[in-house]
Amino acid sequence: MLNVEEVLERIKNKFGLKSDKELAELLEVTNKTIAGWKIRNSLDFKKILNLAKKKNLSLDFIFNLQNKDQSLEIKNELFEDYVFYNLKRNIFKKNLINKINPNIIFLFKIVRKNINTISFTPQNAKEILIDLIVNYKIDSILESEQKKENVLELIGDLSKIECYVFLKYFDKFDIM
Protein backbone atom coordinates (compact mmCIF):
# COMPACT_ATOMS: atom_id res chain seq x y z
CA MET A 1 0.00 0.00 0.00
CA LEU A 2 1.22 3.47 -0.80
CA ASN A 3 2.55 5.35 2.24
CA VAL A 4 2.25 9.05 1.47
CA GLU A 5 4.43 10.16 4.37
CA GLU A 6 7.28 7.94 3.15
CA VAL A 7 6.94 9.33 -0.39
CA LEU A 8 7.00 12.90 0.89
CA GLU A 9 9.97 12.19 3.18
CA ARG A 10 11.92 10.68 0.27
CA ILE A 11 11.33 13.85 -1.73
CA LYS A 12 12.30 16.05 1.22
CA ASN A 13 15.50 14.07 1.80
CA LYS A 14 16.40 14.14 -1.90
CA PHE A 15 16.29 17.94 -1.92
CA GLY A 16 17.60 18.50 1.62
CA LEU A 17 14.32 20.04 2.74
CA LYS A 18 13.75 20.38 6.49
CA SER A 19 10.05 21.20 6.66
CA ASP A 20 6.71 20.54 5.03
CA LYS A 21 6.61 24.26 4.24
CA GLU A 22 9.72 23.89 2.04
CA LEU A 23 8.20 20.77 0.46
CA ALA A 24 4.96 22.65 -0.23
CA GLU A 25 6.94 25.39 -1.97
CA LEU A 26 8.78 22.82 -4.09
CA LEU A 27 5.51 21.15 -5.10
CA GLU A 28 3.77 24.52 -5.55
CA VAL A 29 1.01 23.72 -3.05
CA THR A 30 0.09 25.00 0.40
CA ASN A 31 1.12 23.59 3.78
CA LYS A 32 -2.53 22.73 4.29
CA THR A 33 -2.47 20.61 1.13
CA ILE A 34 0.54 18.62 2.37
CA ALA A 35 -1.21 18.06 5.73
CA GLY A 36 -4.35 16.91 3.92
CA TRP A 37 -2.39 14.42 1.83
CA LYS A 38 -0.89 12.93 4.99
CA ILE A 39 -4.26 12.69 6.75
CA ARG A 40 -5.96 11.04 3.75
CA ASN A 41 -2.86 9.02 2.74
CA SER A 42 -3.37 10.23 -0.81
CA LEU A 43 -1.44 12.44 -3.20
CA ASP A 44 -2.06 14.74 -6.10
CA PHE A 45 -0.15 12.46 -8.45
CA LYS A 46 -0.08 15.13 -11.14
CA LYS A 47 2.00 17.36 -8.81
CA ILE A 48 4.37 14.49 -7.96
CA LEU A 49 4.78 13.46 -11.60
CA ASN A 50 5.34 17.04 -12.70
CA LEU A 51 8.06 17.36 -10.04
CA ALA A 52 9.64 14.10 -11.22
CA LYS A 53 9.66 15.33 -14.79
CA LYS A 54 10.92 18.82 -13.94
CA LYS A 55 13.69 17.58 -11.60
CA ASN A 56 14.46 14.39 -13.58
CA LEU A 57 13.54 12.11 -10.68
CA SER A 58 12.81 8.44 -11.16
CA LEU A 59 9.28 7.37 -10.29
CA ASP A 60 10.85 4.16 -9.00
CA PHE A 61 12.82 6.29 -6.51
CA ILE A 62 9.83 8.41 -5.46
CA PHE A 63 7.60 5.40 -4.87
CA ASN A 64 10.46 3.21 -3.57
CA LEU A 65 10.14 0.50 -6.19
CA GLN A 66 13.86 -0.30 -6.19
CA ASN A 67 13.18 -2.52 -3.18
CA LYS A 68 11.39 -5.53 -4.64
CA ASP A 69 9.96 -6.43 -1.22
CA GLN A 70 8.00 -3.19 -1.16
CA SER A 71 4.37 -3.49 -2.14
CA LEU A 72 2.74 -0.65 -4.02
CA GLU A 73 -0.89 -0.84 -4.87
CA ILE A 74 -1.78 1.77 -7.39
CA LYS A 75 -5.42 2.48 -6.68
CA ASN A 76 -5.71 6.02 -7.90
CA GLU A 77 -7.00 5.96 -11.46
CA LEU A 78 -5.97 9.58 -11.95
CA PHE A 79 -2.36 8.51 -11.39
CA GLU A 80 -2.57 5.66 -13.90
CA ASP A 81 -4.40 7.87 -16.40
CA TYR A 82 -1.74 10.54 -16.05
CA VAL A 83 1.10 8.04 -16.58
CA PHE A 84 -0.79 6.55 -19.56
CA TYR A 85 -1.33 9.98 -21.10
CA ASN A 86 2.34 10.90 -20.67
CA LEU A 87 3.53 7.60 -22.13
CA LYS A 88 1.28 8.02 -25.12
CA ARG A 89 2.24 11.66 -25.61
CA ASN A 90 5.95 11.58 -24.79
CA ILE A 91 7.03 8.20 -26.10
CA PHE A 92 4.58 7.02 -28.67
CA LYS A 93 3.19 10.28 -30.08
CA LYS A 94 6.58 11.66 -31.03
CA ASN A 95 7.12 8.48 -33.00
CA LEU A 96 3.69 8.74 -34.61
CA ILE A 97 4.45 12.21 -35.92
CA ASN A 98 7.26 10.72 -38.02
CA LYS A 99 5.01 7.83 -39.02
CA ILE A 100 5.23 4.87 -36.70
CA ASN A 101 8.72 4.04 -35.56
CA PRO A 102 9.55 0.41 -36.46
CA ASN A 103 10.84 -0.19 -32.92
CA ILE A 104 7.47 0.81 -31.46
CA ILE A 105 5.69 -1.49 -33.90
CA PHE A 106 8.05 -4.30 -32.92
CA LEU A 107 7.45 -3.70 -29.19
CA PHE A 108 3.69 -3.83 -29.72
CA LYS A 109 4.00 -7.03 -31.78
CA ILE A 110 6.00 -8.74 -29.03
CA VAL A 111 3.62 -7.67 -26.27
CA ARG A 112 0.49 -8.46 -28.34
CA LYS A 113 1.71 -12.05 -28.79
CA ASN A 114 2.21 -12.48 -25.04
CA ILE A 115 -0.16 -10.14 -23.21
CA ASN A 116 -2.71 -12.85 -22.35
CA THR A 117 -0.09 -15.19 -20.90
CA ILE A 118 1.79 -12.86 -18.57
CA SER A 119 1.15 -11.83 -15.01
CA PHE A 120 2.63 -8.54 -13.86
CA THR A 121 2.69 -6.14 -10.95
CA PRO A 122 4.08 -2.62 -10.58
CA GLN A 123 7.24 -4.19 -9.17
CA ASN A 124 7.91 -6.75 -11.93
CA ALA A 125 6.41 -5.13 -15.05
CA LYS A 126 9.74 -3.83 -16.34
CA GLU A 127 11.41 -7.22 -15.82
CA ILE A 128 8.49 -8.93 -17.58
CA LEU A 129 8.80 -6.60 -20.59
CA ILE A 130 12.55 -7.11 -20.77
CA ASP A 131 12.12 -10.90 -20.57
CA LEU A 132 9.50 -10.84 -23.33
CA ILE A 133 11.86 -8.95 -25.61
CA VAL A 134 14.99 -10.95 -24.78
CA ASN A 135 13.18 -14.28 -25.23
CA TYR A 136 11.33 -13.27 -28.38
CA LYS A 137 12.21 -15.51 -31.30
CA ILE A 138 12.68 -13.54 -34.49
CA ASP A 139 10.18 -14.79 -37.07
CA SER A 140 10.49 -12.36 -39.95
CA ILE A 141 13.18 -10.90 -42.16
CA LEU A 142 11.95 -7.47 -41.04
CA GLU A 143 13.06 -8.28 -37.50
CA SER A 144 16.59 -8.43 -36.19
CA GLU A 145 18.66 -8.67 -33.05
CA GLN A 146 19.46 -4.98 -33.52
CA LYS A 147 15.76 -4.15 -33.47
CA LYS A 148 15.42 -6.15 -30.24
CA GLU A 149 18.29 -4.11 -28.78
CA ASN A 150 16.56 -0.88 -29.82
CA VAL A 151 13.34 -1.98 -28.12
CA LEU A 152 15.28 -2.96 -24.99
CA GLU A 153 16.80 0.52 -24.96
CA LEU A 154 13.32 2.05 -25.21
CA ILE A 155 12.12 -0.05 -22.26
CA GLY A 156 15.29 0.78 -20.33
CA ASP A 157 14.28 4.44 -20.37
CA LEU A 158 10.90 3.68 -18.74
CA SER A 159 10.29 3.39 -15.00
CA LYS A 160 8.67 0.32 -13.46
CA ILE A 161 5.43 2.24 -13.06
CA GLU A 162 5.46 3.30 -16.71
CA CYS A 163 6.03 -0.33 -17.75
CA TYR A 164 3.16 -1.43 -15.51
CA VAL A 165 0.78 1.15 -16.99
CA PHE A 166 1.95 0.24 -20.51
CA LEU A 167 1.11 -3.43 -19.94
CA LYS A 168 -2.12 -2.74 -18.06
CA TYR A 169 -3.47 -0.36 -20.71
CA PHE A 170 -1.73 -1.96 -23.68
CA ASP A 171 -4.90 -2.34 -25.71
CA LYS A 172 -5.81 1.34 -25.26
CA PHE A 173 -2.74 2.79 -26.95
CA ASP A 174 -4.28 2.43 -30.42
CA ILE A 175 -0.86 2.40 -32.07
CA MET A 176 -1.58 -0.35 -34.55
C-alpha atoms as a PDB file:
ATOM      1  CA  MET A   1       0.000   0.000   0.000  1.00  0.00           C
ATOM      2  CA  LEU A   2       1.216   3.475  -0.796  1.00  0.00           C
ATOM      3  CA  ASN A   3       2.547   5.352   2.239  1.00  0.00           C
ATOM      4  CA  VAL A   4       2.250   9.051   1.469  1.00  0.00           C
ATOM      5  CA  GLU A   5       4.428  10.162   4.372  1.00  0.00           C
ATOM      6  CA  GLU A   6       7.283   7.939   3.150  1.00  0.00           C
ATOM      7  CA  VAL A   7       6.940   9.326  -0.389  1.00  0.00           C
ATOM      8  CA  LEU A   8       7.003  12.903   0.890  1.00  0.00           C
ATOM      9  CA  GLU A   9       9.970  12.193   3.185  1.00  0.00           C
ATOM     10  CA  ARG A  10      11.924  10.677   0.274  1.00  0.00           C
ATOM     11  CA  ILE A  11      11.334  13.848  -1.731  1.00  0.00           C
ATOM     12  CA  LYS A  12      12.300  16.053   1.217  1.00  0.00           C
ATOM     13  CA  ASN A  13      15.496  14.065   1.798  1.00  0.00           C
ATOM     14  CA  LYS A  14      16.405  14.136  -1.898  1.00  0.00           C
ATOM     15  CA  PHE A  15      16.289  17.942  -1.925  1.00  0.00           C
ATOM     16  CA  GLY A  16      17.595  18.503   1.615  1.00  0.00           C
ATOM     17  CA  LEU A  17      14.320  20.040   2.745  1.00  0.00           C
ATOM     18  CA  LYS A  18      13.751  20.380   6.493  1.00  0.00           C
ATOM     19  CA  SER A  19      10.049  21.196   6.658  1.00  0.00           C
ATOM     20  CA  ASP A  20       6.709  20.545   5.034  1.00  0.00           C
ATOM     21  CA  LYS A  21       6.609  24.256   4.242  1.00  0.00           C
ATOM     22  CA  GLU A  22       9.716  23.891   2.036  1.00  0.00           C
ATOM     23  CA  LEU A  23       8.199  20.771   0.463  1.00  0.00           C
ATOM     24  CA  ALA A  24       4.963  22.653  -0.227  1.00  0.00           C
ATOM     25  CA  GLU A  25       6.938  25.391  -1.967  1.00  0.00           C
ATOM     26  CA  LEU A  26       8.778  22.824  -4.092  1.00  0.00           C
ATOM     27  CA  LEU A  27       5.511  21.154  -5.095  1.00  0.00           C
ATOM     28  CA  GLU A  28       3.774  24.518  -5.553  1.00  0.00           C
ATOM     29  CA  VAL A  29       1.013  23.718  -3.051  1.00  0.00           C
ATOM     30  CA  THR A  30       0.090  24.999   0.402  1.00  0.00           C
ATOM     31  CA  ASN A  31       1.118  23.595   3.777  1.00  0.00           C
ATOM     32  CA  LYS A  32      -2.527  22.728   4.290  1.00  0.00           C
ATOM     33  CA  THR A  33      -2.469  20.609   1.133  1.00  0.00           C
ATOM     34  CA  ILE A  34       0.545  18.622   2.373  1.00  0.00           C
ATOM     35  CA  ALA A  35      -1.205  18.063   5.729  1.00  0.00           C
ATOM     36  CA  GLY A  36      -4.349  16.908   3.916  1.00  0.00           C
ATOM     37  CA  TRP A  37      -2.386  14.421   1.832  1.00  0.00           C
ATOM     38  CA  LYS A  38      -0.895  12.926   4.992  1.00  0.00           C
ATOM     39  CA  ILE A  39      -4.262  12.692   6.754  1.00  0.00           C
ATOM     40  CA  ARG A  40      -5.958  11.036   3.755  1.00  0.00           C
ATOM     41  CA  ASN A  41      -2.857   9.016   2.744  1.00  0.00           C
ATOM     42  CA  SER A  42      -3.373  10.233  -0.811  1.00  0.00           C
ATOM     43  CA  LEU A  43      -1.438  12.443  -3.197  1.00  0.00           C
ATOM     44  CA  ASP A  44      -2.060  14.738  -6.096  1.00  0.00           C
ATOM     45  CA  PHE A  45      -0.154  12.464  -8.453  1.00  0.00           C
ATOM     46  CA  LYS A  46      -0.078  15.127 -11.136  1.00  0.00           C
ATOM     47  CA  LYS A  47       1.997  17.357  -8.811  1.00  0.00           C
ATOM     48  CA  ILE A  48       4.366  14.485  -7.964  1.00  0.00           C
ATOM     49  CA  LEU A  49       4.775  13.455 -11.601  1.00  0.00           C
ATOM     50  CA  ASN A  50       5.338  17.044 -12.697  1.00  0.00           C
ATOM     51  CA  LEU A  51       8.056  17.363 -10.043  1.00  0.00           C
ATOM     52  CA  ALA A  52       9.637  14.099 -11.218  1.00  0.00           C
ATOM     53  CA  LYS A  53       9.656  15.332 -14.794  1.00  0.00           C
ATOM     54  CA  LYS A  54      10.923  18.819 -13.936  1.00  0.00           C
ATOM     55  CA  LYS A  55      13.686  17.575 -11.599  1.00  0.00           C
ATOM     56  CA  ASN A  56      14.463  14.394 -13.576  1.00  0.00           C
ATOM     57  CA  LEU A  57      13.539  12.107 -10.676  1.00  0.00           C
ATOM     58  CA  SER A  58      12.805   8.441 -11.161  1.00  0.00           C
ATOM     59  CA  LEU A  59       9.275   7.368 -10.290  1.00  0.00           C
ATOM     60  CA  ASP A  60      10.853   4.164  -9.003  1.00  0.00           C
ATOM     61  CA  PHE A  61      12.821   6.295  -6.513  1.00  0.00           C
ATOM     62  CA  ILE A  62       9.831   8.411  -5.463  1.00  0.00           C
ATOM     63  CA  PHE A  63       7.599   5.396  -4.870  1.00  0.00           C
ATOM     64  CA  ASN A  64      10.463   3.208  -3.566  1.00  0.00           C
ATOM     65  CA  LEU A  65      10.138   0.501  -6.188  1.00  0.00           C
ATOM     66  CA  GLN A  66      13.859  -0.297  -6.187  1.00  0.00           C
ATOM     67  CA  ASN A  67      13.178  -2.518  -3.181  1.00  0.00           C
ATOM     68  CA  LYS A  68      11.393  -5.534  -4.637  1.00  0.00           C
ATOM     69  CA  ASP A  69       9.962  -6.427  -1.218  1.00  0.00           C
ATOM     70  CA  GLN A  70       8.000  -3.185  -1.159  1.00  0.00           C
ATOM     71  CA  SER A  71       4.367  -3.486  -2.136  1.00  0.00           C
ATOM     72  CA  LEU A  72       2.744  -0.652  -4.019  1.00  0.00           C
ATOM     73  CA  GLU A  73      -0.894  -0.840  -4.871  1.00  0.00           C
ATOM     74  CA  ILE A  74      -1.780   1.770  -7.395  1.00  0.00           C
ATOM     75  CA  LYS A  75      -5.416   2.485  -6.682  1.00  0.00           C
ATOM     76  CA  ASN A  76      -5.707   6.021  -7.898  1.00  0.00           C
ATOM     77  CA  GLU A  77      -7.004   5.963 -11.460  1.00  0.00           C
ATOM     78  CA  LEU A  78      -5.973   9.583 -11.946  1.00  0.00           C
ATOM     79  CA  PHE A  79      -2.360   8.508 -11.390  1.00  0.00           C
ATOM     80  CA  GLU A  80      -2.574   5.665 -13.905  1.00  0.00           C
ATOM     81  CA  ASP A  81      -4.401   7.870 -16.400  1.00  0.00           C
ATOM     82  CA  TYR A  82      -1.735  10.537 -16.047  1.00  0.00           C
ATOM     83  CA  VAL A  83       1.102   8.039 -16.584  1.00  0.00           C
ATOM     84  CA  PHE A  84      -0.786   6.554 -19.560  1.00  0.00           C
ATOM     85  CA  TYR A  85      -1.331   9.982 -21.099  1.00  0.00           C
ATOM     86  CA  ASN A  86       2.344  10.902 -20.672  1.00  0.00           C
ATOM     87  CA  LEU A  87       3.527   7.604 -22.135  1.00  0.00           C
ATOM     88  CA  LYS A  88       1.276   8.020 -25.121  1.00  0.00           C
ATOM     89  CA  ARG A  89       2.240  11.657 -25.613  1.00  0.00           C
ATOM     90  CA  ASN A  90       5.947  11.580 -24.788  1.00  0.00           C
ATOM     91  CA  ILE A  91       7.028   8.204 -26.098  1.00  0.00           C
ATOM     92  CA  PHE A  92       4.584   7.019 -28.671  1.00  0.00           C
ATOM     93  CA  LYS A  93       3.189  10.275 -30.076  1.00  0.00           C
ATOM     94  CA  LYS A  94       6.584  11.661 -31.030  1.00  0.00           C
ATOM     95  CA  ASN A  95       7.118   8.478 -32.998  1.00  0.00           C
ATOM     96  CA  LEU A  96       3.694   8.744 -34.611  1.00  0.00           C
ATOM     97  CA  ILE A  97       4.453  12.210 -35.920  1.00  0.00           C
ATOM     98  CA  ASN A  98       7.256  10.717 -38.020  1.00  0.00           C
ATOM     99  CA  LYS A  99       5.011   7.825 -39.016  1.00  0.00           C
ATOM    100  CA  ILE A 100       5.234   4.872 -36.704  1.00  0.00           C
ATOM    101  CA  ASN A 101       8.723   4.035 -35.556  1.00  0.00           C
ATOM    102  CA  PRO A 102       9.549   0.407 -36.462  1.00  0.00           C
ATOM    103  CA  ASN A 103      10.837  -0.188 -32.924  1.00  0.00           C
ATOM    104  CA  ILE A 104       7.472   0.812 -31.464  1.00  0.00           C
ATOM    105  CA  ILE A 105       5.692  -1.489 -33.902  1.00  0.00           C
ATOM    106  CA  PHE A 106       8.054  -4.302 -32.923  1.00  0.00           C
ATOM    107  CA  LEU A 107       7.452  -3.699 -29.194  1.00  0.00           C
ATOM    108  CA  PHE A 108       3.688  -3.832 -29.719  1.00  0.00           C
ATOM    109  CA  LYS A 109       4.004  -7.031 -31.777  1.00  0.00           C
ATOM    110  CA  ILE A 110       6.001  -8.745 -29.029  1.00  0.00           C
ATOM    111  CA  VAL A 111       3.616  -7.667 -26.275  1.00  0.00           C
ATOM    112  CA  ARG A 112       0.490  -8.460 -28.335  1.00  0.00           C
ATOM    113  CA  LYS A 113       1.705 -12.053 -28.792  1.00  0.00           C
ATOM    114  CA  ASN A 114       2.209 -12.480 -25.044  1.00  0.00           C
ATOM    115  CA  ILE A 115      -0.162 -10.137 -23.214  1.00  0.00           C
ATOM    116  CA  ASN A 116      -2.706 -12.853 -22.354  1.00  0.00           C
ATOM    117  CA  THR A 117      -0.093 -15.195 -20.898  1.00  0.00           C
ATOM    118  CA  ILE A 118       1.789 -12.863 -18.573  1.00  0.00           C
ATOM    119  CA  SER A 119       1.147 -11.831 -15.014  1.00  0.00           C
ATOM    120  CA  PHE A 120       2.626  -8.540 -13.864  1.00  0.00           C
ATOM    121  CA  THR A 121       2.693  -6.141 -10.947  1.00  0.00           C
ATOM    122  CA  PRO A 122       4.078  -2.616 -10.576  1.00  0.00           C
ATOM    123  CA  GLN A 123       7.241  -4.188  -9.172  1.00  0.00           C
ATOM    124  CA  ASN A 124       7.906  -6.750 -11.926  1.00  0.00           C
ATOM    125  CA  ALA A 125       6.411  -5.127 -15.055  1.00  0.00           C
ATOM    126  CA  LYS A 126       9.742  -3.834 -16.339  1.00  0.00           C
ATOM    127  CA  GLU A 127      11.410  -7.221 -15.824  1.00  0.00           C
ATOM    128  CA  ILE A 128       8.493  -8.927 -17.583  1.00  0.00           C
ATOM    129  CA  LEU A 129       8.799  -6.604 -20.591  1.00  0.00           C
ATOM    130  CA  ILE A 130      12.550  -7.112 -20.771  1.00  0.00           C
ATOM    131  CA  ASP A 131      12.121 -10.898 -20.568  1.00  0.00           C
ATOM    132  CA  LEU A 132       9.503 -10.844 -23.331  1.00  0.00           C
ATOM    133  CA  ILE A 133      11.858  -8.953 -25.612  1.00  0.00           C
ATOM    134  CA  VAL A 134      14.987 -10.948 -24.778  1.00  0.00           C
ATOM    135  CA  ASN A 135      13.179 -14.279 -25.228  1.00  0.00           C
ATOM    136  CA  TYR A 136      11.335 -13.268 -28.378  1.00  0.00           C
ATOM    137  CA  LYS A 137      12.208 -15.515 -31.303  1.00  0.00           C
ATOM    138  CA  ILE A 138      12.684 -13.541 -34.494  1.00  0.00           C
ATOM    139  CA  ASP A 139      10.185 -14.792 -37.070  1.00  0.00           C
ATOM    140  CA  SER A 140      10.486 -12.361 -39.952  1.00  0.00           C
ATOM    141  CA  ILE A 141      13.177 -10.902 -42.164  1.00  0.00           C
ATOM    142  CA  LEU A 142      11.954  -7.471 -41.044  1.00  0.00           C
ATOM    143  CA  GLU A 143      13.055  -8.284 -37.501  1.00  0.00           C
ATOM    144  CA  SER A 144      16.594  -8.428 -36.193  1.00  0.00           C
ATOM    145  CA  GLU A 145      18.661  -8.671 -33.048  1.00  0.00           C
ATOM    146  CA  GLN A 146      19.460  -4.979 -33.518  1.00  0.00           C
ATOM    147  CA  LYS A 147      15.758  -4.151 -33.474  1.00  0.00           C
ATOM    148  CA  LYS A 148      15.424  -6.150 -30.236  1.00  0.00           C
ATOM    149  CA  GLU A 149      18.291  -4.109 -28.783  1.00  0.00           C
ATOM    150  CA  ASN A 150      16.556  -0.883 -29.821  1.00  0.00           C
ATOM    151  CA  VAL A 151      13.344  -1.985 -28.120  1.00  0.00           C
ATOM    152  CA  LEU A 152      15.285  -2.956 -24.986  1.00  0.00           C
ATOM    153  CA  GLU A 153      16.804   0.520 -24.961  1.00  0.00           C
ATOM    154  CA  LEU A 154      13.322   2.048 -25.208  1.00  0.00           C
ATOM    155  CA  ILE A 155      12.116  -0.046 -22.261  1.00  0.00           C
ATOM    156  CA  GLY A 156      15.289   0.778 -20.326  1.00  0.00           C
ATOM    157  CA  ASP A 157      14.275   4.439 -20.365  1.00  0.00           C
ATOM    158  CA  LEU A 158      10.902   3.677 -18.736  1.00  0.00           C
ATOM    159  CA  SER A 159      10.287   3.388 -15.000  1.00  0.00           C
ATOM    160  CA  LYS A 160       8.666   0.323 -13.461  1.00  0.00           C
ATOM    161  CA  ILE A 161       5.432   2.243 -13.055  1.00  0.00           C
ATOM    162  CA  GLU A 162       5.457   3.298 -16.706  1.00  0.00           C
ATOM    163  CA  CYS A 163       6.033  -0.331 -17.745  1.00  0.00           C
ATOM    164  CA  TYR A 164       3.161  -1.426 -15.510  1.00  0.00           C
ATOM    165  CA  VAL A 165       0.784   1.147 -16.986  1.00  0.00           C
ATOM    166  CA  PHE A 166       1.947   0.243 -20.509  1.00  0.00           C
ATOM    167  CA  LEU A 167       1.114  -3.426 -19.936  1.00  0.00           C
ATOM    168  CA  LYS A 168      -2.119  -2.742 -18.061  1.00  0.00           C
ATOM    169  CA  TYR A 169      -3.469  -0.362 -20.715  1.00  0.00           C
ATOM    170  CA  PHE A 170      -1.732  -1.962 -23.679  1.00  0.00           C
ATOM    171  CA  ASP A 171      -4.902  -2.336 -25.708  1.00  0.00           C
ATOM    172  CA  LYS A 172      -5.813   1.343 -25.260  1.00  0.00           C
ATOM    173  CA  PHE A 173      -2.739   2.792 -26.950  1.00  0.00           C
ATOM    174  CA  ASP A 174      -4.282   2.430 -30.415  1.00  0.00           C
ATOM    175  CA  ILE A 175      -0.865   2.397 -32.069  1.00  0.00           C
ATOM    176  CA  MET A 176      -1.585  -0.352 -34.547  1.00  0.00           C
END
